Amino acid sequence: MKSEQKRLIERFKELYGNPTYKEMAEITDIQMTRAFRLCNGFEMKLTEYLKISKKIDEKIAETSTIKDTFNTCLNELSANALKEIEKFCVRKLEVKQILKSSIIKEVVA
């Protein structure tokens, strides 16, 4: 699977809570069998890429308030408070990476 396509599908699954192929089909308006094929490495058509990309953008727009909150924090909070937030975010990312690598190890084993 091409890396850009793989990243797109992974991001979609992450944002939509790892949907089933049926749910993915309903969300994107792509046939369920085609959604299965795309997730298993078949090359994506431009129209499919655009549909999935659009749904990702829509989902991100729903949660765009976090960006506003971060910007407000940057402008309003002290340097110490911002450092705490940064540490928290870094820990969350580290945990996610550990979980991701553990899952990959389980699949390979």
Protein backbone atom coordinates (compact mmCIF):
# COMPACT_ATOMS: atom_id res chain seq x y z
CA MET A 1 0.00 0.00 0.00
CA LYS A 2 1.34 3.40 -0.85
CA SER A 3 2.45 5.30 2.22
CA GLU A 4 0.20 8.34 1.61
CA GLN A 5 -2.83 6.09 1.17
CA LYS A 6 -1.90 4.10 4.27
CA ARG A 7 -1.52 7.29 6.34
CA LEU A 8 -4.87 8.56 5.07
CA ILE A 9 -6.68 5.35 6.03
CA GLU A 10 -4.94 5.20 9.42
CA ARG A 11 -5.92 8.81 10.14
CA PHE A 12 -9.51 8.12 9.08
CA LYS A 13 -9.71 5.08 11.35
CA GLU A 14 -8.19 7.01 14.22
CA LEU A 15 -10.64 9.88 13.91
CA TYR A 16 -13.69 7.67 13.45
CA GLY A 17 -12.87 5.14 16.17
CA ASN A 18 -11.65 2.29 13.98
CA PRO A 19 -14.93 1.78 12.09
CA THR A 20 -15.98 -1.50 10.53
CA TYR A 21 -15.89 -1.74 6.74
CA LYS A 22 -19.65 -1.26 6.71
CA GLU A 23 -19.40 1.88 8.84
CA MET A 24 -16.54 3.17 6.70
CA ALA A 25 -18.67 2.63 3.61
CA GLU A 26 -21.60 4.50 5.14
CA ILE A 27 -19.42 7.40 6.27
CA THR A 28 -17.53 7.81 2.99
CA ASP A 29 -20.14 6.65 0.49
CA ILE A 30 -17.68 4.05 -0.84
CA GLN A 31 -18.90 0.49 -1.33
CA MET A 32 -18.17 -1.83 1.59
CA THR A 33 -16.20 -4.32 -0.52
CA ARG A 34 -14.15 -1.47 -1.91
CA ALA A 35 -13.48 -0.13 1.60
CA PHE A 36 -12.22 -3.61 2.52
CA ARG A 37 -9.92 -3.68 -0.49
CA LEU A 38 -8.56 -0.20 0.19
CA CYS A 39 -7.76 -1.11 3.79
CA ASN A 40 -5.96 -4.20 2.55
CA GLY A 41 -3.66 -2.48 0.10
CA PHE A 42 -5.55 -2.05 -3.17
CA GLU A 43 -4.71 1.21 -4.88
CA MET A 44 -7.11 4.05 -4.19
CA LYS A 45 -8.86 5.99 -6.93
CA LEU A 46 -8.71 9.78 -6.80
CA THR A 47 -12.44 10.00 -6.04
CA GLU A 48 -12.01 7.63 -3.09
CA TYR A 49 -9.02 9.59 -1.82
CA LEU A 50 -11.03 12.81 -2.01
CA LYS A 51 -14.04 11.31 -0.22
CA ILE A 52 -11.94 9.97 2.64
CA SER A 53 -9.91 13.16 2.81
CA LYS A 54 -13.09 15.24 2.98
CA LYS A 55 -14.45 13.16 5.86
CA ILE A 56 -11.17 13.57 7.72
CA ASP A 57 -11.33 17.34 7.22
CA GLU A 58 -14.93 17.42 8.42
CA LYS A 59 -14.09 15.45 11.55
CA ILE A 60 -11.11 17.68 12.29
CA ALA A 61 -13.29 20.78 11.81
CA GLU A 62 -15.65 19.40 14.46
CA THR A 63 -12.76 19.32 16.90
CA SER A 64 -11.11 22.56 15.82
CA THR A 65 -12.01 24.15 19.15
CA ILE A 66 -8.93 22.46 20.58
CA LYS A 67 -6.77 24.65 18.35
CA ASP A 68 -8.60 27.72 19.62
CA THR A 69 -8.10 26.54 23.19
CA PHE A 70 -4.39 25.96 22.61
CA ASN A 71 -4.02 29.41 21.10
CA THR A 72 -5.82 30.95 24.06
CA CYS A 73 -3.55 29.00 26.41
CA LEU A 74 -0.48 30.28 24.56
CA ASN A 75 -1.65 33.83 25.00
CA GLU A 76 -3.04 33.63 28.53
CA LEU A 77 -1.11 31.06 30.58
CA SER A 78 2.26 31.31 32.25
CA ALA A 79 5.37 29.63 30.91
CA ASN A 80 5.19 27.04 33.72
CA ALA A 81 1.58 26.17 32.93
CA LEU A 82 2.44 25.80 29.24
CA LYS A 83 5.36 23.53 30.15
CA GLU A 84 2.97 21.28 32.12
CA ILE A 85 0.62 21.06 29.17
CA GLU A 86 3.52 20.25 26.87
CA LYS A 87 4.73 17.46 29.18
CA PHE A 88 1.22 16.02 29.33
CA CYS A 89 0.92 16.02 25.53
CA VAL A 90 4.36 14.44 25.11
CA ARG A 91 3.42 11.67 27.58
CA LYS A 92 0.18 11.00 25.70
CA LEU A 93 2.10 10.71 22.43
CA GLU A 94 4.67 8.40 24.02
CA VAL A 95 1.94 6.12 25.37
CA LYS A 96 0.29 6.03 21.97
CA GLN A 97 3.61 5.10 20.32
CA ILE A 98 4.23 2.34 22.89
CA LEU A 99 0.75 0.92 22.35
CA LYS A 100 1.16 1.11 18.59
CA SER A 101 4.50 -0.71 18.68
CA SER A 102 3.05 -3.34 21.06
CA ILE A 103 0.20 -4.01 18.66
CA ILE A 104 2.62 -4.35 15.75
CA LYS A 105 4.74 -6.81 17.77
CA GLU A 106 1.63 -8.89 18.57
CA VAL A 107 0.60 -8.99 14.90
CA VAL A 108 4.09 -10.03 13.80
CA ALA A 109 4.44 -12.68 16.53
